[in-house]
């Protein structure tokens, strides 16, 4: 049998989905990556399962970087399926200028 291309990398605390990655940084930050671009989402730990807070549908396009605009369902679906976190919509903590949430490798 071939190796599953979608696998968790325990040492790196990262999920590799091929065209995207999810990394777990600190206790309250999960980063969604495509290529060398990443965007931070707030997370809560100490509960099972962990909780990942994402901008609600009303605010998503106004607070995410251009490469995520119009892709909420796709990205949230990937986070829900692969992060091990429950998803909670929020309008708190995300602003139109989220440059501090941007990551690059």
PDB file of N, CA and C in Angstrom:
ATOM      1  N   UNK A   1       0.840  -1.190   0.000  1.00  0.00           N
ATOM      2  CA  UNK A   1       0.000   0.000   0.000  1.00  0.00           C
ATOM      3  C   UNK A   1       0.877   1.243   0.000  1.00  0.00           C
ATOM      4  N   UNK A   2       0.433   2.263  -0.711  1.00  0.00           N
ATOM      5  CA  UNK A   2       1.180   3.509  -0.755  1.00  0.00           C
ATOM      6  C   UNK A   2       0.977   4.324   0.503  1.00  0.00           C
ATOM      7  N   UNK A   3       1.866   5.245   0.715  1.00  0.00           N
ATOM      8  CA  UNK A   3       1.783   6.113   1.880  1.00  0.00           C
ATOM      9  C   UNK A   3       0.709   7.169   1.663  1.00  0.00           C
ATOM     10  N   UNK A   4      -0.084   7.438   2.666  1.00  0.00           N
ATOM     11  CA  UNK A   4      -1.132   8.454   2.594  1.00  0.00           C
ATOM     12  C   UNK A   4      -0.472   9.822   2.471  1.00  0.00           C
ATOM     13  N   UNK A   5      -0.758  10.599   1.400  1.00  0.00           N
ATOM     14  CA  UNK A   5      -0.113  11.898   1.234  1.00  0.00           C
ATOM     15  C   UNK A   5      -0.596  12.936   2.245  1.00  0.00           C
ATOM     16  N   UNK A   6      -1.716  12.665   2.922  1.00  0.00           N
ATOM     17  CA  UNK A   6      -2.249  13.591   3.918  1.00  0.00           C
ATOM     18  C   UNK A   6      -1.975  12.997   5.291  1.00  0.00           C
ATOM     19  N   UNK A   7      -0.971  13.480   5.940  1.00  0.00           N
ATOM     20  CA  UNK A   7      -0.588  12.872   7.208  1.00  0.00           C
ATOM     21  C   UNK A   7      -0.142  13.909   8.221  1.00  0.00           C
ATOM     22  N   UNK A   8      -0.251  13.524   9.450  1.00  0.00           N
ATOM     23  CA  UNK A   8       0.207  14.391  10.529  1.00  0.00           C
ATOM     24  C   UNK A   8       1.706  14.193  10.706  1.00  0.00           C
ATOM     25  N   UNK A   9       2.372  15.275  11.004  1.00  0.00           N
ATOM     26  CA  UNK A   9       3.795  15.230  11.258  1.00  0.00           C
ATOM     27  C   UNK A   9       3.968  15.558  12.738  1.00  0.00           C
ATOM     28  N   UNK A  10       3.973  14.550  13.629  1.00  0.00           N
ATOM     29  CA  UNK A  10       3.929  14.808  15.069  1.00  0.00           C
ATOM     30  C   UNK A  10       5.043  15.702  15.583  1.00  0.00           C
ATOM     31  N   UNK A  11       6.267  15.487  15.154  1.00  0.00           N
ATOM     32  CA  UNK A  11       7.388  16.261  15.701  1.00  0.00           C
ATOM     33  C   UNK A  11       7.245  17.742  15.377  1.00  0.00           C
ATOM     34  N   UNK A  12       6.675  18.042  14.211  1.00  0.00           N
ATOM     35  CA  UNK A  12       6.544  19.431  13.798  1.00  0.00           C
ATOM     36  C   UNK A  12       5.214  20.029  14.247  1.00  0.00           C
ATOM     37  N   UNK A  13       4.344  19.197  14.832  1.00  0.00           N
ATOM     38  CA  UNK A  13       3.006  19.644  15.201  1.00  0.00           C
ATOM     39  C   UNK A  13       2.351  20.341  14.031  1.00  0.00           C
ATOM     40  N   UNK A  14       2.284  19.613  12.928  1.00  0.00           N
ATOM     41  CA  UNK A  14       1.756  20.170  11.696  1.00  0.00           C
ATOM     42  C   UNK A  14       0.992  19.093  10.945  1.00  0.00           C
ATOM     43  N   UNK A  15      -0.073  19.501  10.271  1.00  0.00           N
ATOM     44  CA  UNK A  15      -0.792  18.608   9.381  1.00  0.00           C
ATOM     45  C   UNK A  15      -0.430  19.015   7.963  1.00  0.00           C
ATOM     46  N   UNK A  16      -0.034  18.070   7.144  1.00  0.00           N
ATOM     47  CA  UNK A  16       0.329  18.334   5.758  1.00  0.00           C
ATOM     48  C   UNK A  16      -0.763  17.783   4.865  1.00  0.00           C
ATOM     49  N   UNK A  17      -1.523  18.681   4.247  1.00  0.00           N
ATOM     50  CA  UNK A  17      -2.605  18.276   3.362  1.00  0.00           C
ATOM     51  C   UNK A  17      -2.225  18.357   1.896  1.00  0.00           C
ATOM     52  N   UNK A  18      -0.926  18.461   1.613  1.00  0.00           N
ATOM     53  CA  UNK A  18      -0.478  18.559   0.232  1.00  0.00           C
ATOM     54  C   UNK A  18      -0.481  19.996  -0.250  1.00  0.00           C
ATOM     55  N   UNK A  19      -1.635  20.514  -0.628  1.00  0.00           N
ATOM     56  CA  UNK A  19      -1.726  21.890  -1.116  1.00  0.00           C
ATOM     57  C   UNK A  19      -1.875  22.912   0.016  1.00  0.00           C
ATOM     58  N   UNK A  20      -2.022  22.423   1.241  1.00  0.00           N
ATOM     59  CA  UNK A  20      -2.134  23.301   2.407  1.00  0.00           C
ATOM     60  C   UNK A  20      -1.522  22.592   3.614  1.00  0.00           C
ATOM     61  N   UNK A  21      -1.211  23.382   4.637  1.00  0.00           N
ATOM     62  CA  UNK A  21      -0.706  22.854   5.895  1.00  0.00           C
ATOM     63  C   UNK A  21      -1.420  23.568   7.042  1.00  0.00           C
ATOM     64  N   UNK A  22      -1.468  22.888   8.163  1.00  0.00           N
ATOM     65  CA  UNK A  22      -2.000  23.486   9.383  1.00  0.00           C
ATOM     66  C   UNK A  22      -0.944  23.278  10.450  1.00  0.00           C
ATOM     67  N   UNK A  23      -0.475  24.371  11.049  1.00  0.00           N
ATOM     68  CA  UNK A  23       0.528  24.240  12.106  1.00  0.00           C
ATOM     69  C   UNK A  23      -0.023  24.761  13.419  1.00  0.00           C
ATOM     70  N   UNK A  24       0.458  24.168  14.486  1.00  0.00           N
ATOM     71  CA  UNK A  24      -0.006  24.488  15.832  1.00  0.00           C
ATOM     72  C   UNK A  24       1.120  25.217  16.534  1.00  0.00           C
ATOM     73  N   UNK A  25       0.923  26.495  16.788  1.00  0.00           N
ATOM     74  CA  UNK A  25       1.972  27.316  17.362  1.00  0.00           C
ATOM     75  C   UNK A  25       1.470  27.936  18.655  1.00  0.00           C
ATOM     76  N   UNK A  26       2.285  27.845  19.647  1.00  0.00           N
ATOM     77  CA  UNK A  26       1.891  28.233  20.992  1.00  0.00           C
ATOM     78  C   UNK A  26       0.668  27.433  21.381  1.00  0.00           C
ATOM     79  N   UNK A  27      -0.018  27.862  22.377  1.00  0.00           N
ATOM     80  CA  UNK A  27      -1.198  27.115  22.810  1.00  0.00           C
ATOM     81  C   UNK A  27      -2.470  27.665  22.202  1.00  0.00           C
ATOM     82  N   UNK A  28      -2.440  28.915  21.819  1.00  0.00           N
ATOM     83  CA  UNK A  28      -3.668  29.549  21.351  1.00  0.00           C
ATOM     84  C   UNK A  28      -3.611  30.001  19.901  1.00  0.00           C
ATOM     85  N   UNK A  29      -2.692  29.470  19.112  1.00  0.00           N
ATOM     86  CA  UNK A  29      -2.565  29.897  17.721  1.00  0.00           C
ATOM     87  C   UNK A  29      -2.476  28.688  16.802  1.00  0.00           C
ATOM     88  N   UNK A  30      -3.317  28.679  15.776  1.00  0.00           N
ATOM     89  CA  UNK A  30      -3.241  27.696  14.705  1.00  0.00           C
ATOM     90  C   UNK A  30      -3.051  28.493  13.422  1.00  0.00           C
ATOM     91  N   UNK A  31      -2.089  28.076  12.595  1.00  0.00           N
ATOM     92  CA  UNK A  31      -1.808  28.791  11.349  1.00  0.00           C
ATOM     93  C   UNK A  31      -2.207  27.917  10.171  1.00  0.00           C
ATOM     94  N   UNK A  32      -2.995  28.499   9.270  1.00  0.00           N
ATOM     95  CA  UNK A  32      -3.372  27.846   8.020  1.00  0.00           C
ATOM     96  C   UNK A  32      -2.405  28.345   6.949  1.00  0.00           C
ATOM     97  N   UNK A  33      -1.741  27.416   6.258  1.00  0.00           N
ATOM     98  CA  UNK A  33      -0.714  27.742   5.263  1.00  0.00           C
ATOM     99  C   UNK A  33      -1.112  27.264   3.877  1.00  0.00           C
ATOM    100  N   UNK A  34      -0.792  28.064   2.893  1.00  0.00           N
ATOM    101  CA  UNK A  34      -0.780  27.637   1.496  1.00  0.00           C
ATOM    102  C   UNK A  34       0.516  28.174   0.926  1.00  0.00           C
ATOM    103  N   UNK A  35       1.363  27.258   0.481  1.00  0.00           N
ATOM    104  CA  UNK A  35       2.691  27.672   0.023  1.00  0.00           C
ATOM    105  C   UNK A  35       3.440  28.323   1.167  1.00  0.00           C
ATOM    106  N   UNK A  36       3.973  29.501   0.919  1.00  0.00           N
ATOM    107  CA  UNK A  36       4.743  30.220   1.938  1.00  0.00           C
ATOM    108  C   UNK A  36       3.912  31.253   2.681  1.00  0.00           C
ATOM    109  N   UNK A  37       2.600  31.286   2.445  1.00  0.00           N
ATOM    110  CA  UNK A  37       1.723  32.261   3.085  1.00  0.00           C
ATOM    111  C   UNK A  37       0.881  31.599   4.164  1.00  0.00           C
ATOM    112  N   UNK A  38       0.812  32.245   5.314  1.00  0.00           N
ATOM    113  CA  UNK A  38       0.016  31.711   6.404  1.00  0.00           C
ATOM    114  C   UNK A  38      -0.862  32.779   7.036  1.00  0.00           C
ATOM    115  N   UNK A  39      -1.928  32.324   7.695  1.00  0.00           N
ATOM    116  CA  UNK A  39      -2.825  33.215   8.422  1.00  0.00           C
ATOM    117  C   UNK A  39      -3.147  32.574   9.758  1.00  0.00           C
ATOM    118  N   UNK A  40      -2.999  33.342  10.829  1.00  0.00           N
ATOM    119  CA  UNK A  40      -3.226  32.849  12.194  1.00  0.00           C
ATOM    120  C   UNK A  40      -4.698  32.898  12.576  1.00  0.00           C
ATOM    121  N   UNK A  41      -5.127  31.829  13.236  1.00  0.00           N
ATOM    122  CA  UNK A  41      -6.447  31.780  13.845  1.00  0.00           C
ATOM    123  C   UNK A  41      -6.277  31.579  15.338  1.00  0.00           C
ATOM    124  N   UNK A  42      -7.155  32.202  16.123  1.00  0.00           N
ATOM    125  CA  UNK A  42      -7.128  32.032  17.569  1.00  0.00           C
ATOM    126  C   UNK A  42      -7.671  30.658  17.937  1.00  0.00           C
ATOM    127  N   UNK A  43      -7.085  30.061  18.961  1.00  0.00           N
ATOM    128  CA  UNK A  43      -7.527  28.751  19.423  1.00  0.00           C
ATOM    129  C   UNK A  43      -7.614  28.766  20.944  1.00  0.00           C
ATOM    130  N   UNK A  44      -8.398  27.855  21.474  1.00  0.00           N
ATOM    131  CA  UNK A  44      -8.488  27.675  22.923  1.00  0.00           C
ATOM    132  C   UNK A  44      -8.003  26.270  23.228  1.00  0.00           C
ATOM    133  N   UNK A  45      -7.180  26.145  24.226  1.00  0.00           N
ATOM    134  CA  UNK A  45      -6.668  24.833  24.613  1.00  0.00           C
ATOM    135  C   UNK A  45      -7.139  24.535  26.014  1.00  0.00           C
ATOM    136  N   UNK A  46      -6.896  23.342  26.457  1.00  0.00           N
ATOM    137  CA  UNK A  46      -7.329  22.953  27.799  1.00  0.00           C
ATOM    138  C   UNK A  46      -8.740  22.400  27.815  1.00  0.00           C
ATOM    139  N   UNK A  47      -9.344  22.281  26.634  1.00  0.00           N
ATOM    140  CA  UNK A  47     -10.658  21.671  26.491  1.00  0.00           C
ATOM    141  C   UNK A  47     -10.529  20.571  25.450  1.00  0.00           C
ATOM    142  N   UNK A  48     -11.420  19.625  25.472  1.00  0.00           N
ATOM    143  CA  UNK A  48     -11.367  18.545  24.490  1.00  0.00           C
ATOM    144  C   UNK A  48     -12.691  18.468  23.748  1.00  0.00           C
ATOM    145  N   UNK A  49     -12.713  18.654  22.452  1.00  0.00           N
ATOM    146  CA  UNK A  49     -11.547  19.014  21.638  1.00  0.00           C
ATOM    147  C   UNK A  49     -11.225  20.488  21.805  1.00  0.00           C
ATOM    148  N   UNK A  50     -10.049  20.879  21.315  1.00  0.00           N
ATOM    149  CA  UNK A  50      -9.688  22.293  21.303  1.00  0.00           C
ATOM    150  C   UNK A  50     -10.690  23.060  20.446  1.00  0.00           C
ATOM    151  N   UNK A  51     -10.734  24.354  20.628  1.00  0.00           N
ATOM    152  CA  UNK A  51     -11.663  25.201  19.883  1.00  0.00           C
ATOM    153  C   UNK A  51     -10.859  26.159  19.017  1.00  0.00           C
ATOM    154  N   UNK A  52     -11.268  26.296  17.779  1.00  0.00           N
ATOM    155  CA  UNK A  52     -10.641  27.214  16.842  1.00  0.00           C
ATOM    156  C   UNK A  52     -11.663  28.284  16.483  1.00  0.00           C
ATOM    157  N   UNK A  53     -11.300  29.541  16.692  1.00  0.00           N
ATOM    158  CA  UNK A  53     -12.195  30.658  16.423  1.00  0.00           C
ATOM    159  C   UNK A  53     -11.880  31.234  15.048  1.00  0.00           C
ATOM    160  N   UNK A  54     -12.902  31.279  14.181  1.00  0.00           N
ATOM    161  CA  UNK A  54     -12.716  31.801  12.832  1.00  0.00           C
ATOM    162  C   UNK A  54     -13.687  32.952  12.603  1.00  0.00           C
ATOM    163  N   UNK A  55     -13.283  33.923  11.768  1.00  0.00           N
ATOM    164  CA  UNK A  55     -14.208  35.014  11.472  1.00  0.00           C
ATOM    165  C   UNK A  55     -15.504  34.473  10.880  1.00  0.00           C
ATOM    166  N   UNK A  56     -16.626  35.003  11.344  1.00  0.00           N
ATOM    167  CA  UNK A  56     -17.905  34.535  10.821  1.00  0.00           C
ATOM    168  C   UNK A  56     -18.061  34.943   9.357  1.00  0.00           C
ATOM    169  N   UNK A  57     -19.065  34.380   8.708  1.00  0.00           N
ATOM    170  CA  UNK A  57     -19.251  34.591   7.272  1.00  0.00           C
ATOM    171  C   UNK A  57     -19.423  36.067   6.908  1.00  0.00           C
ATOM    172  N   UNK A  58     -20.028  36.839   7.782  1.00  0.00           N
ATOM    173  CA  UNK A  58     -20.235  38.265   7.521  1.00  0.00           C
ATOM    174  C   UNK A  58     -18.923  39.030   7.461  1.00  0.00           C
ATOM    175  N   UNK A  59     -17.947  38.628   8.266  1.00  0.00           N
ATOM    176  CA  UNK A  59     -16.701  39.371   8.388  1.00  0.00           C
ATOM    177  C   UNK A  59     -15.521  38.771   7.621  1.00  0.00           C
ATOM    178  N   UNK A  60     -15.607  37.510   7.242  1.00  0.00           N
ATOM    179  CA  UNK A  60     -14.471  36.780   6.655  1.00  0.00           C
ATOM    180  C   UNK A  60     -13.718  37.579   5.585  1.00  0.00           C
ATOM    181  N   UNK A  61     -14.391  37.960   4.500  1.00  0.00           N
ATOM    182  CA  UNK A  61     -13.703  38.604   3.378  1.00  0.00           C
ATOM    183  C   UNK A  61     -13.062  39.932   3.755  1.00  0.00           C
ATOM    184  N   UNK A  62     -13.561  40.580   4.779  1.00  0.00           N
ATOM    185  CA  UNK A  62     -12.999  41.869   5.192  1.00  0.00           C
ATOM    186  C   UNK A  62     -11.796  41.762   6.103  1.00  0.00           C
ATOM    187  N   UNK A  63     -11.524  40.563   6.628  1.00  0.00           N
ATOM    188  CA  UNK A  63     -10.436  40.450   7.608  1.00  0.00           C
ATOM    189  C   UNK A  63      -9.332  39.466   7.214  1.00  0.00           C
ATOM    190  N   UNK A  64      -9.563  38.646   6.196  1.00  0.00           N
ATOM    191  CA  UNK A  64      -8.529  37.702   5.773  1.00  0.00           C
ATOM    192  C   UNK A  64      -7.715  38.317   4.638  1.00  0.00           C
ATOM    193  N   UNK A  65      -6.507  37.793   4.398  1.00  0.00           N
ATOM    194  CA  UNK A  65      -5.711  38.300   3.275  1.00  0.00           C
ATOM    195  C   UNK A  65      -6.380  37.966   1.941  1.00  0.00           C
ATOM    196  N   UNK A  66      -5.980  38.662   0.910  1.00  0.00           N
ATOM    197  CA  UNK A  66      -6.598  38.510  -0.413  1.00  0.00           C
ATOM    198  C   UNK A  66      -6.627  37.063  -0.892  1.00  0.00           C
ATOM    199  N   UNK A  67      -5.616  36.291  -0.602  1.00  0.00           N
ATOM    200  CA  UNK A  67      -5.553  34.906  -1.094  1.00  0.00           C
ATOM    201  C   UNK A  67      -6.573  33.983  -0.421  1.00  0.00           C
ATOM    202  N   UNK A  68      -7.250  34.464   0.633  1.00  0.00           N
ATOM    203  CA  UNK A  68      -8.302  33.686   1.287  1.00  0.00           C
ATOM    204  C   UNK A  68      -9.709  34.240   1.040  1.00  0.00           C
ATOM    205  N   UNK A  69      -9.802  35.402   0.401  1.00  0.00           N
ATOM    206  CA  UNK A  69     -11.104  36.025   0.144  1.00  0.00           C
ATOM    207  C   UNK A  69     -11.945  35.105  -0.746  1.00  0.00           C
ATOM    208  N   UNK A  70     -13.210  34.932  -0.349  1.00  0.00           N
ATOM    209  CA  UNK A  70     -14.144  34.123  -1.114  1.00  0.00           C
ATOM    210  C   UNK A  70     -13.965  32.625  -0.924  1.00  0.00           C
ATOM    211  N   UNK A  71     -13.120  32.227   0.033  1.00  0.00           N
ATOM    212  CA  UNK A  71     -12.809  30.811   0.205  1.00  0.00           C
ATOM    213  C   UNK A  71     -13.106  30.309   1.610  1.00  0.00           C
ATOM    214  N   UNK A  72     -14.013  30.965   2.316  1.00  0.00           N
ATOM    215  CA  UNK A  72     -14.281  30.605   3.707  1.00  0.00           C
ATOM    216  C   UNK A  72     -14.700  29.148   3.864  1.00  0.00           C
ATOM    217  N   UNK A  73     -15.671  28.704   3.082  1.00  0.00           N
ATOM    218  CA  UNK A  73     -16.168  27.335   3.232  1.00  0.00           C
ATOM    219  C   UNK A  73     -15.048  26.312   3.035  1.00  0.00           C
ATOM    220  N   UNK A  74     -14.218  26.537   2.036  1.00  0.00           N
ATOM    221  CA  UNK A  74     -13.108  25.622   1.754  1.00  0.00           C
ATOM    222  C   UNK A  74     -12.117  25.576   2.913  1.00  0.00           C
ATOM    223  N   UNK A  75     -11.679  26.745   3.363  1.00  0.00           N
ATOM    224  CA  UNK A  75     -10.672  26.811   4.423  1.00  0.00           C
ATOM    225  C   UNK A  75     -11.232  26.299   5.744  1.00  0.00           C
ATOM    226  N   UNK A  76     -12.424  26.721   6.122  1.00  0.00           N
ATOM    227  CA  UNK A  76     -13.025  26.264   7.380  1.00  0.00           C
ATOM    228  C   UNK A  76     -13.250  24.757   7.324  1.00  0.00           C
ATOM    229  N   UNK A  77     -13.662  24.243   6.175  1.00  0.00           N
ATOM    230  CA  UNK A  77     -13.827  22.798   6.023  1.00  0.00           C
ATOM    231  C   UNK A  77     -12.520  22.054   6.246  1.00  0.00           C
ATOM    232  N   UNK A  78     -11.430  22.576   5.697  1.00  0.00           N
ATOM    233  CA  UNK A  78     -10.118  21.958   5.896  1.00  0.00           C
ATOM    234  C   UNK A  78      -9.703  22.016   7.361  1.00  0.00           C
ATOM    235  N   UNK A  79      -9.933  23.147   7.999  1.00  0.00           N
ATOM    236  CA  UNK A  79      -9.587  23.278   9.417  1.00  0.00           C
ATOM    237  C   UNK A  79     -10.408  22.314  10.261  1.00  0.00           C
ATOM    238  N   UNK A  80     -11.685  22.223   9.988  1.00  0.00           N
ATOM    239  CA  UNK A  80     -12.565  21.339  10.746  1.00  0.00           C
ATOM    240  C   UNK A  80     -12.157  19.874  10.571  1.00  0.00           C
ATOM    241  N   UNK A  81     -11.876  19.486   9.359  1.00  0.00           N
ATOM    242  CA  UNK A  81     -11.548  18.093   9.070  1.00  0.00           C
ATOM    243  C   UNK A  81     -10.159  17.689   9.559  1.00  0.00           C
ATOM    244  N   UNK A  82      -9.207  18.622   9.591  1.00  0.00           N
ATOM    245  CA  UNK A  82      -7.813  18.237   9.800  1.00  0.00           C
ATOM    246  C   UNK A  82      -7.116  18.831  11.014  1.00  0.00           C
ATOM    247  N   UNK A  83      -7.723  19.779  11.701  1.00  0.00           N
ATOM    248  CA  UNK A  83      -7.012  20.433  12.809  1.00  0.00           C
ATOM    249  C   UNK A  83      -7.191  19.739  14.146  1.00  0.00           C
ATOM    250  N   UNK A  84      -8.242  18.925  14.277  1.00  0.00           N
ATOM    251  CA  UNK A  84      -8.545  18.324  15.567  1.00  0.00           C
ATOM    252  C   UNK A  84      -9.270  19.270  16.499  1.00  0.00           C
ATOM    253  N   UNK A  85      -9.695  20.419  15.985  1.00  0.00           N
ATOM    254  CA  UNK A  85     -10.404  21.428  16.771  1.00  0.00           C
ATOM    255  C   UNK A  85     -11.865  21.509  16.344  1.00  0.00           C
ATOM    256  N   UNK A  86     -12.715  21.891  17.275  1.00  0.00           N
ATOM    257  CA  UNK A  86     -14.074  22.297  16.943  1.00  0.00           C
ATOM    258  C   UNK A  86     -13.986  23.729  16.411  1.00  0.00           C
ATOM    259  N   UNK A  87     -14.887  24.111  15.555  1.00  0.00           N
ATOM    260  CA  UNK A  87     -14.878  25.451  14.961  1.00  0.00           C
ATOM    261  C   UNK A  87     -15.977  26.289  15.596  1.00  0.00           C
ATOM    262  N   UNK A  88     -15.619  27.515  15.961  1.00  0.00           N
ATOM    263  CA  UNK A  88     -16.591  28.475  16.482  1.00  0.00           C
ATOM    264  C   UNK A  88     -16.475  29.760  15.676  1.00  0.00           C
ATOM    265  N   UNK A  89     -17.587  30.203  15.105  1.00  0.00           N
ATOM    266  CA  UNK A  89     -17.617  31.481  14.389  1.00  0.00           C
ATOM    267  C   UNK A  89     -17.575  32.617  15.399  1.00  0.00           C
ATOM    268  N   UNK A  90     -16.880  33.693  15.012  1.00  0.00           N
ATOM    269  CA  UNK A  90     -16.804  34.844  15.891  1.00  0.00           C
ATOM    270  C   UNK A  90     -16.673  36.120  15.072  1.00  0.00           C
ATOM    271  N   UNK A  91     -17.030  37.229  15.668  1.00  0.00           N
ATOM    272  CA  UNK A  91     -16.750  38.536  15.074  1.00  0.00           C
ATOM    273  C   UNK A  91     -15.811  39.312  15.995  1.00  0.00           C
ATOM    274  N   UNK A  92     -15.232  38.616  16.952  1.00  0.00           N
ATOM    275  CA  UNK A  92     -14.346  39.235  17.932  1.00  0.00           C
ATOM    276  C   UNK A  92     -12.897  38.870  17.617  1.00  0.00           C
ATOM    277  N   UNK A  93     -12.011  39.845  17.718  1.00  0.00           N
ATOM    278  CA  UNK A  93     -10.590  39.574  17.600  1.00  0.00           C
ATOM    279  C   UNK A  93     -10.019  39.668  16.201  1.00  0.00           C
ATOM    280  N   UNK A  94     -10.853  39.805  15.218  1.00  0.00           N
ATOM    281  CA  UNK A  94     -10.382  39.928  13.838  1.00  0.00           C
ATOM    282  C   UNK A  94     -10.784  41.307  13.331  1.00  0.00           C
ATOM    283  N   UNK A  95      -9.795  42.037  12.809  1.00  0.00           N
ATOM    284  CA  UNK A  95     -10.036  43.393  12.316  1.00  0.00           C
ATOM    285  C   UNK A  95      -9.652  43.459  10.845  1.00  0.00           C
ATOM    286  N   UNK A  96     -10.069  44.528  10.189  1.00  0.00           N
ATOM    287  CA  UNK A  96      -9.737  44.677   8.769  1.00  0.00           C
ATOM    288  C   UNK A  96      -8.236  44.703   8.543  1.00  0.00           C
ATOM    289  N   UNK A  97      -7.480  45.230   9.479  1.00  0.00           N
ATOM    290  CA  UNK A  97      -6.027  45.232   9.350  1.00  0.00           C
ATOM    291  C   UNK A  97      -5.463  44.131  10.227  1.00  0.00           C
ATOM    292  N   UNK A  98      -5.307  42.964   9.668  1.00  0.00           N
ATOM    293  CA  UNK A  98      -4.808  41.817  10.417  1.00  0.00           C
ATOM    294  C   UNK A  98      -3.388  41.460  10.008  1.00  0.00           C
ATOM    295  N   UNK A  99      -2.580  42.467   9.712  1.00  0.00           N
ATOM    296  CA  UNK A  99      -1.227  42.189   9.247  1.00  0.00           C
ATOM    297  C   UNK A  99      -0.419  41.413  10.282  1.00  0.00           C
ATOM    298  N   UNK A 100      -0.754  41.547  11.561  1.00  0.00           N
ATOM    299  CA  UNK A 100      -0.024  40.792  12.583  1.00  0.00           C
ATOM    300  C   UNK A 100      -0.374  39.305  12.532  1.00  0.00           C
ATOM    301  N   UNK A 101      -1.440  38.942  11.850  1.00  0.00           N
ATOM    302  CA  UNK A 101      -1.843  37.535  11.717  1.00  0.00           C
ATOM    303  C   UNK A 101      -1.218  36.873  10.484  1.00  0.00           C
ATOM    304  N   UNK A 102      -0.573  37.655   9.643  1.00  0.00           N
ATOM    305  CA  UNK A 102       0.030  37.105   8.434  1.00  0.00           C
ATOM    306  C   UNK A 102       1.368  36.471   8.766  1.00  0.00           C
ATOM    307  N   UNK A 103       1.638  35.354   8.131  1.00  0.00           N
ATOM    308  CA  UNK A 103       2.906  34.650   8.295  1.00  0.00           C
ATOM    309  C   UNK A 103       3.509  34.387   6.928  1.00  0.00           C
ATOM    310  N   UNK A 104       4.801  34.233   6.876  1.00  0.00           N
ATOM    311  CA  UNK A 104       5.470  33.814   5.644  1.00  0.00           C
ATOM    312  C   UNK A 104       6.661  32.953   6.016  1.00  0.00           C
ATOM    313  N   UNK A 105       6.975  32.054   5.127  1.00  0.00           N
ATOM    314  CA  UNK A 105       8.126  31.156   5.345  1.00  0.00           C
ATOM    315  C   UNK A 105       9.202  31.493   4.360  1.00  0.00           C
TER     316      UNK A 105
END
